Amino acid sequence: MMDRMPEPSHAAGLAQKESGAQEPVGPPEVGEQALLAMLMAVADSPLPVRSQQKDEPDLTAEEKLAILRALYRDKPVVFLERFRRALRVEHLGCFAHLAARYEVRFYCDEVHRAARGKAGHTRVRNKRYAALQQLIKGGEYFSDEQMRAREPLLYEQYIGQYLSDEELLALGNQPLASPCSLSGVLLDSYQEQMLQLRLHIQQEQEDACMEEEEDDDEGQYSSSASDAWVPDTEEKAFLREEFTSRMHQRFLDGKDGDFDYR
């Protein structure tokens, strides 16, 4: 099977270079439009076109295309090896004239496998997005109660700590044990006690991470400033929107542990 082939050795290429032989030049049947599309895809990718010194100015788009075109013309196999991660399946026609070479087949198979992986990932994301829209319309899964149960610390940071007494009463439907704090809401409920325990664990984990960064003065300043800040109505609406957006993204990323993504 092609998938089991080992990484091709450079020995053949080195022997060819030592003998002075050149790799085949790109065939005339490769259309200019197809070739330019491939070159532009590589030029627009994060892959470096050539090594540059630290203080050397960045290459212009025209310079990148000229360098890539020359490399493809003179050493198409080297081009394919170096930039295969930036190529798409539709670009592989530019290497059809080299299909008999083992390393070309190997690298082309890599491009095909990567394309299949991306297509599968896109299908999963599309299915999750469709499910997300259904859950949003349903109203229950992304209700305050359900989102708070899944991510109590995130809810507390974005929404809970800024709730008014009336909002806390509406949330718990019971007298408050401590004003403006979710810790006093529904403590006689087993579910609420479990939620508060989870919130406590998440808070301890975050505090431990912050202690590792306590040398960062700017971070300490931001934290103390956040404790004293009281958002107005518009800012609260923004925080709620940001929290909901993060919960939607968590679902799309497959991070809702209690949801059956199958």
Protein backbone atom coordinates (compact mmCIF):
# COMPACT_ATOMS: atom_id res chain seq x y z
CA MET A 1 0.00 0.00 0.00
CA MET A 2 1.22 3.52 -0.79
CA ASP A 3 0.36 4.73 2.75
CA ARG A 4 3.05 2.43 4.18
CA MET A 5 5.85 3.71 1.99
CA PRO A 6 8.83 5.10 3.95
CA GLU A 7 10.07 8.65 3.46
CA PRO A 8 12.04 8.60 0.21
CA SER A 9 15.79 8.87 0.50
CA HIS A 10 17.65 11.87 -0.88
CA ALA A 11 20.46 9.61 -2.05
CA ALA A 12 19.13 9.42 -5.59
CA GLY A 13 18.80 13.17 -5.74
CA LEU A 14 22.32 13.67 -4.44
CA ALA A 15 23.73 11.21 -6.96
CA GLN A 16 21.88 13.02 -9.71
CA LYS A 17 23.24 16.36 -8.53
CA GLU A 18 26.80 15.04 -8.35
CA SER A 19 26.56 13.69 -11.86
CA GLY A 20 25.42 17.08 -13.12
CA ALA A 21 22.06 15.74 -14.33
CA GLN A 22 19.05 18.01 -14.05
CA GLU A 23 15.50 17.07 -13.15
CA PRO A 24 13.00 17.10 -16.01
CA VAL A 25 11.66 20.50 -16.91
CA GLY A 26 7.95 21.14 -16.52
CA PRO A 27 6.00 19.93 -19.57
CA PRO A 28 4.59 22.44 -22.05
CA GLU A 29 1.09 20.96 -21.58
CA VAL A 30 0.91 22.42 -18.05
CA GLY A 31 -1.26 25.46 -18.65
CA GLU A 32 -0.04 28.84 -17.46
CA GLN A 33 -3.23 29.40 -15.49
CA ALA A 34 -2.89 26.11 -13.62
CA LEU A 35 0.80 26.70 -12.96
CA LEU A 36 0.20 30.24 -11.73
CA ALA A 37 -2.56 29.04 -9.41
CA MET A 38 -0.16 26.55 -7.83
CA LEU A 39 2.66 29.09 -7.51
CA MET A 40 0.35 31.65 -5.91
CA ALA A 41 -0.97 29.07 -3.43
CA VAL A 42 2.59 28.33 -2.32
CA ALA A 43 3.54 32.01 -2.23
CA ASP A 44 0.52 32.80 -0.03
CA SER A 45 1.27 29.95 2.39
CA PRO A 46 3.36 30.30 5.59
CA LEU A 47 6.14 28.19 4.04
CA PRO A 48 9.31 30.21 3.36
CA VAL A 49 10.15 30.50 -0.33
CA ARG A 50 13.86 30.69 0.46
CA SER A 51 16.12 31.21 3.45
CA GLN A 52 16.65 34.84 4.40
CA GLN A 53 18.92 36.71 6.78
CA LYS A 54 17.37 38.32 9.83
CA ASP A 55 17.71 41.90 8.58
CA GLU A 56 16.96 41.07 4.97
CA PRO A 57 13.74 42.71 3.68
CA ASP A 58 10.78 40.46 2.96
CA LEU A 59 10.38 39.22 -0.57
CA THR A 60 7.75 40.91 -2.69
CA ALA A 61 4.96 38.87 -4.28
CA GLU A 62 6.66 39.17 -7.66
CA GLU A 63 10.00 37.98 -6.26
CA LYS A 64 8.35 34.99 -4.60
CA LEU A 65 6.62 33.96 -7.82
CA ALA A 66 9.84 34.34 -9.82
CA ILE A 67 11.80 32.17 -7.37
CA LEU A 68 9.07 29.52 -7.26
CA ARG A 69 8.69 29.46 -11.04
CA ALA A 70 12.44 28.96 -11.52
CA LEU A 71 12.56 26.15 -8.94
CA TYR A 72 9.60 24.38 -10.52
CA ARG A 73 11.14 24.75 -13.98
CA ASP A 74 14.60 23.49 -13.02
CA LYS A 75 13.86 21.12 -10.12
CA PRO A 76 10.18 20.15 -10.01
CA VAL A 77 10.74 17.22 -7.63
CA VAL A 78 12.52 19.48 -5.14
CA PHE A 79 9.64 21.94 -5.52
CA LEU A 80 7.11 19.19 -4.75
CA GLU A 81 9.08 17.90 -1.76
CA ARG A 82 9.58 21.36 -0.26
CA PHE A 83 6.10 22.81 -0.77
CA ARG A 84 3.78 19.76 -0.80
CA ARG A 85 2.05 20.89 2.40
CA ALA A 86 0.85 24.02 0.63
CA LEU A 87 -0.48 22.14 -2.40
CA ARG A 88 -4.01 21.02 -3.15
CA VAL A 89 -5.09 18.03 -5.20
CA GLU A 90 -5.89 20.20 -8.19
CA HIS A 91 -2.25 21.32 -8.30
CA LEU A 92 -0.87 17.82 -8.80
CA GLY A 93 -1.45 17.94 -12.55
CA CYS A 94 1.67 20.09 -12.71
CA PHE A 95 3.66 16.97 -11.81
CA ALA A 96 1.88 14.46 -14.07
CA HIS A 97 4.94 14.22 -16.31
CA LEU A 98 6.91 12.86 -13.35
CA ALA A 99 4.32 10.28 -12.24
CA ALA A 100 6.70 7.39 -12.96
CA ARG A 101 9.08 8.54 -10.22
CA TYR A 102 8.64 6.91 -6.84
CA GLU A 103 9.21 10.03 -4.73
CA VAL A 104 6.71 12.02 -6.80
CA ARG A 105 4.03 9.37 -6.22
CA PHE A 106 4.90 9.38 -2.52
CA TYR A 107 4.53 13.15 -2.15
CA CYS A 108 1.37 13.25 -4.28
CA ASP A 109 -0.14 10.59 -2.04
CA GLU A 110 0.65 12.82 0.95
CA VAL A 111 -1.28 15.66 -0.67
CA HIS A 112 -4.24 13.33 -1.32
CA ARG A 113 -4.25 12.06 2.28
CA ALA A 114 -4.13 15.60 3.64
CA ALA A 115 -7.05 16.57 1.39
CA ARG A 116 -9.12 13.62 2.63
CA GLY A 117 -8.37 14.58 6.22
CA LYS A 118 -9.43 18.19 5.61
CA ALA A 119 -12.61 17.05 3.86
CA GLY A 120 -13.48 14.80 6.80
CA HIS A 121 -12.82 17.63 9.26
CA THR A 122 -15.04 19.95 7.23
CA ARG A 123 -17.87 17.41 7.23
CA VAL A 124 -17.63 17.06 11.00
CA ARG A 125 -17.65 20.83 11.48
CA ASN A 126 -20.65 21.20 9.18
CA LYS A 127 -22.57 18.54 11.11
CA ARG A 128 -21.69 20.16 14.42
CA TYR A 129 -22.75 23.55 13.11
CA ALA A 130 -26.12 22.15 12.00
CA ALA A 131 -26.55 20.54 15.43
CA LEU A 132 -25.57 23.83 17.09
CA GLN A 133 -28.30 25.70 15.22
CA GLN A 134 -30.88 23.10 16.28
CA LEU A 135 -29.78 23.33 19.92
CA ILE A 136 -29.92 27.12 19.84
CA LYS A 137 -33.47 26.99 18.47
CA GLY A 138 -34.40 24.43 21.11
CA GLY A 139 -33.41 26.92 23.78
CA GLU A 140 -32.64 24.48 26.60
CA TYR A 141 -29.07 23.36 25.90
CA PHE A 142 -27.77 26.93 25.72
CA SER A 143 -29.93 28.31 28.51
CA ASP A 144 -28.16 30.08 31.37
CA GLU A 145 -28.87 27.16 33.67
CA GLN A 146 -27.42 24.53 31.33
CA MET A 147 -24.38 26.58 30.32
CA ARG A 148 -23.64 27.42 33.94
CA ALA A 149 -23.85 23.73 34.84
CA ARG A 150 -21.33 22.84 32.11
CA GLU A 151 -18.89 25.70 32.73
CA PRO A 152 -19.53 27.23 36.18
CA LEU A 153 -16.26 29.16 36.38
CA LEU A 154 -16.62 30.68 32.92
CA TYR A 155 -20.21 31.64 33.74
CA GLU A 156 -19.12 33.22 37.03
CA GLN A 157 -16.37 35.23 35.34
CA TYR A 158 -18.56 36.59 32.55
CA ILE A 159 -22.01 36.77 34.13
CA GLY A 160 -22.44 35.46 37.68
CA GLN A 161 -20.26 37.92 39.57
CA TYR A 162 -22.12 40.85 38.01
CA LEU A 163 -25.69 39.68 38.68
CA SER A 164 -27.90 41.95 40.77
CA ASP A 165 -29.72 40.73 43.87
CA GLU A 166 -32.95 40.55 41.85
CA GLU A 167 -31.27 38.50 39.11
CA LEU A 168 -29.79 36.13 41.69
CA LEU A 169 -33.21 35.75 43.30
CA ALA A 170 -34.72 34.99 39.92
CA LEU A 171 -31.98 32.45 39.25
CA GLY A 172 -32.32 30.68 42.57
CA ASN A 173 -35.89 31.63 43.54
CA GLN A 174 -34.71 31.65 47.18
CA PRO A 175 -33.38 34.25 49.68
CA LEU A 176 -29.70 34.99 49.30
CA ALA A 177 -27.15 33.80 51.82
CA SER A 178 -24.58 36.29 50.53
CA PRO A 179 -25.32 39.23 48.20
CA CYS A 180 -23.99 39.29 44.63
CA SER A 181 -22.50 35.80 44.89
CA LEU A 182 -23.67 32.56 43.30
CA SER A 183 -22.27 30.63 46.28
CA GLY A 184 -25.39 31.48 48.29
CA VAL A 185 -27.91 30.29 45.71
CA LEU A 186 -29.66 26.94 46.15
CA LEU A 187 -27.08 25.47 48.53
CA ASP A 188 -29.74 23.12 49.90
CA SER A 189 -29.96 21.55 46.44
CA TYR A 190 -27.70 18.59 45.78
CA GLN A 191 -27.30 19.67 42.16
CA GLU A 192 -26.27 23.14 43.26
CA GLN A 193 -23.83 21.74 45.79
CA MET A 194 -22.19 19.66 43.06
CA LEU A 195 -22.05 22.71 40.80
CA GLN A 196 -20.44 24.79 43.54
CA LEU A 197 -17.92 22.00 44.13
CA ARG A 198 -17.06 21.98 40.43
CA LEU A 199 -16.76 25.77 40.46
CA HIS A 200 -14.42 25.55 43.46
CA ILE A 201 -12.20 22.97 41.74
CA GLN A 202 -12.03 25.02 38.52
CA GLN A 203 -11.21 28.15 40.53
CA GLU A 204 -8.39 26.37 42.38
CA GLN A 205 -6.96 25.14 39.09
CA GLU A 206 -7.03 28.64 37.63
CA ASP A 207 -5.49 30.12 40.80
CA ALA A 208 -2.66 27.59 40.56
CA CYS A 209 -1.99 28.66 36.97
CA MET A 210 -2.02 32.31 37.98
CA GLU A 211 0.48 31.67 40.77
CA GLU A 212 2.92 30.35 38.18
CA GLU A 213 2.66 33.70 36.40
CA GLU A 214 2.75 35.90 39.51
CA ASP A 215 5.97 37.54 38.33
CA ASP A 216 4.00 39.15 35.53
CA ASP A 217 3.23 42.57 37.05
CA GLU A 218 0.96 43.55 34.20
CA GLY A 219 -1.15 40.44 34.72
CA GLN A 220 -1.47 41.23 38.45
CA TYR A 221 -2.55 44.75 37.70
CA SER A 222 -5.19 43.56 35.25
CA SER A 223 -6.57 41.11 37.81
CA SER A 224 -6.86 43.71 40.57
CA ALA A 225 -8.42 46.20 38.17
CA SER A 226 -10.96 43.59 37.09
CA ASP A 227 -12.01 43.00 40.74
CA ALA A 228 -12.92 46.67 41.16
CA TRP A 229 -14.71 47.08 37.82
CA VAL A 230 -18.50 47.17 37.73
CA PRO A 231 -19.92 46.90 34.19
CA ASP A 232 -22.90 48.96 33.09
CA THR A 233 -25.92 47.49 31.27
CA GLU A 234 -24.32 47.68 27.84
CA GLU A 235 -21.10 46.09 29.09
CA LYS A 236 -23.06 43.31 30.78
CA ALA A 237 -24.82 42.59 27.50
CA PHE A 238 -21.44 42.42 25.75
CA LEU A 239 -20.06 40.03 28.40
CA ARG A 240 -23.11 37.78 28.06
CA GLU A 241 -22.72 37.73 24.28
CA GLU A 242 -19.02 36.89 24.63
CA PHE A 243 -19.78 34.08 27.09
CA THR A 244 -22.45 32.59 24.82
CA SER A 245 -20.11 32.83 21.84
CA ARG A 246 -17.41 30.95 23.74
CA MET A 247 -19.90 28.24 24.70
CA HIS A 248 -20.95 27.90 21.06
CA GLN A 249 -17.30 27.59 20.04
CA ARG A 250 -16.66 24.96 22.70
CA PHE A 251 -19.47 22.90 21.23
CA LEU A 252 -18.10 23.25 17.69
CA ASP A 253 -14.62 22.25 18.91
CA GLY A 254 -16.03 19.05 20.43
CA LYS A 255 -15.21 20.08 24.02
CA ASP A 256 -18.64 19.55 25.58
CA GLY A 257 -17.81 16.33 27.40
CA ASP A 258 -21.40 15.45 28.26
CA PHE A 259 -22.65 15.75 24.68
CA ASP A 260 -22.77 12.63 22.50
CA TYR A 261 -20.97 13.86 19.37
CA ARG A 262 -21.62 10.58 17.60
